[in-house]
């Protein structure tokens, strides 16, 4: 997988480097309502806008997954509570003291029928 990443990253880096070398001329950027003018190389403006778009897209995707992360967190808490309840019921059935586990313990337990815990 690491080699595939390099096979994709290396040509992309060469294209970006070639673009930067080919577009070194200064351009003036003026943002309409603001009274400021910026002189910057053309490649810098293009690359900064690409990075800004990438970050904005990542934030949008992260914000869109909020509902799913919240549901997964709730299910994790519910599963931990059910595991504690199951341990208590097994302990009561065998007459042993229940094992207290922290809520953050997400280990998968094998069924009691297999004789392992």
Protein backbone atom coordinates (compact mmCIF):
# COMPACT_ATOMS: atom_id res chain seq x y z
CA UNK A 1 0.00 0.00 0.00
CA UNK A 2 2.88 2.35 0.78
CA UNK A 3 4.35 1.74 -2.67
CA UNK A 4 1.02 2.55 -4.32
CA UNK A 5 0.92 5.80 -2.39
CA UNK A 6 4.37 6.73 -3.68
CA UNK A 7 3.39 5.76 -7.23
CA UNK A 8 0.53 8.25 -7.04
CA UNK A 9 2.26 10.97 -5.01
CA UNK A 10 5.52 11.20 -6.98
CA UNK A 11 3.94 12.08 -10.38
CA UNK A 12 1.57 14.52 -8.69
CA UNK A 13 4.51 16.22 -6.95
CA UNK A 14 6.34 16.47 -10.30
CA UNK A 15 3.28 18.09 -11.91
CA UNK A 16 2.98 20.60 -9.05
CA UNK A 17 6.69 21.38 -9.21
CA UNK A 18 6.54 21.85 -12.99
CA UNK A 19 3.51 24.11 -12.59
CA UNK A 20 5.29 26.20 -9.96
CA UNK A 21 8.40 26.62 -12.11
CA UNK A 22 6.36 27.51 -15.20
CA UNK A 23 4.13 30.10 -13.50
CA UNK A 24 6.47 32.30 -11.50
CA UNK A 25 5.24 35.62 -12.89
CA UNK A 26 3.71 38.06 -10.43
CA UNK A 27 -0.04 38.63 -10.53
CA UNK A 28 -2.11 41.17 -8.65
CA UNK A 29 -4.99 39.87 -6.58
CA UNK A 30 -7.65 42.34 -5.53
CA UNK A 31 -10.63 41.31 -3.49
CA UNK A 32 -13.48 43.58 -4.50
CA UNK A 33 -14.96 44.94 -1.28
CA UNK A 34 -11.55 45.20 0.37
CA UNK A 35 -9.11 48.00 -0.50
CA UNK A 36 -6.10 45.66 -0.46
CA UNK A 37 -4.00 44.50 -3.40
CA UNK A 38 -1.75 41.45 -3.18
CA UNK A 39 1.21 40.78 -5.43
CA UNK A 40 2.00 37.08 -5.48
CA UNK A 41 3.35 34.47 -7.88
CA UNK A 42 0.63 32.83 -9.97
CA UNK A 43 1.49 29.34 -8.74
CA UNK A 44 1.14 30.43 -5.10
CA UNK A 45 -2.39 31.71 -5.64
CA UNK A 46 -3.42 28.53 -7.44
CA UNK A 47 -1.84 26.20 -4.88
CA UNK A 48 -3.24 28.13 -1.91
CA UNK A 49 -6.71 28.01 -3.43
CA UNK A 50 -6.37 24.24 -4.00
CA UNK A 51 -5.31 23.67 -0.39
CA UNK A 52 -8.14 25.89 0.86
CA UNK A 53 -10.63 23.89 -1.22
CA UNK A 54 -9.22 20.62 0.11
CA UNK A 55 -9.54 21.82 3.71
CA UNK A 56 -13.08 23.13 3.11
CA UNK A 57 -14.09 19.80 1.54
CA UNK A 58 -12.59 17.85 4.42
CA UNK A 59 -14.43 19.99 6.95
CA UNK A 60 -17.69 19.54 5.06
CA UNK A 61 -17.26 15.75 4.98
CA UNK A 62 -16.36 15.70 8.69
CA UNK A 63 -19.39 17.83 9.59
CA UNK A 64 -21.63 15.60 7.46
CA UNK A 65 -20.58 12.51 9.43
CA UNK A 66 -21.52 14.06 12.77
CA UNK A 67 -24.82 12.21 12.98
CA UNK A 68 -23.15 8.85 12.33
CA UNK A 69 -20.40 9.48 14.88
CA UNK A 70 -23.01 10.42 17.48
CA UNK A 71 -25.02 7.25 16.77
CA UNK A 72 -21.88 5.11 16.97
CA UNK A 73 -20.93 6.69 20.30
CA UNK A 74 -24.42 6.02 21.68
CA UNK A 75 -24.31 2.40 20.50
CA UNK A 76 -20.88 1.92 22.08
CA UNK A 77 -22.22 3.16 25.42
CA UNK A 78 -25.29 0.93 25.08
CA UNK A 79 -23.14 -2.11 24.23
CA UNK A 80 -20.93 -1.48 27.27
CA UNK A 81 -24.01 -1.25 29.52
CA UNK A 82 -25.42 -4.47 28.06
CA UNK A 83 -22.08 -6.24 28.60
CA UNK A 84 -22.07 -5.16 32.25
CA UNK A 85 -25.64 -6.39 32.63
CA UNK A 86 -24.75 -9.69 30.98
CA UNK A 87 -21.75 -10.12 33.30
CA UNK A 88 -23.98 -9.48 36.30
CA UNK A 89 -26.55 -12.02 35.09
CA UNK A 90 -23.85 -14.63 34.41
CA UNK A 91 -22.34 -14.02 37.84
CA UNK A 92 -25.73 -14.35 39.50
CA UNK A 93 -26.39 -17.57 37.58
CA UNK A 94 -23.04 -19.10 38.62
CA UNK A 95 -23.02 -17.60 42.09
CA UNK A 96 -19.77 -15.68 41.54
CA UNK A 97 -19.19 -11.96 42.09
CA UNK A 98 -19.74 -9.83 38.95
CA UNK A 99 -16.66 -8.53 37.20
CA UNK A 100 -16.61 -4.73 37.09
CA UNK A 101 -15.27 -3.40 33.80
CA UNK A 102 -14.83 0.24 32.82
CA UNK A 103 -17.19 1.67 30.22
CA UNK A 104 -14.38 2.33 27.76
CA UNK A 105 -13.46 -1.38 27.59
CA UNK A 106 -14.59 -2.42 24.11
CA UNK A 107 -13.27 -6.01 24.09
CA UNK A 108 -15.40 -8.62 22.42
CA UNK A 109 -16.35 -11.46 24.74
CA UNK A 110 -17.02 -14.96 23.61
CA UNK A 111 -20.31 -16.59 24.59
CA UNK A 112 -20.34 -18.60 27.82
CA UNK A 113 -21.31 -21.70 25.84
CA UNK A 114 -17.74 -21.91 24.50
CA UNK A 115 -16.39 -22.07 28.01
CA UNK A 116 -14.19 -18.97 27.59
CA UNK A 117 -14.50 -15.49 29.06
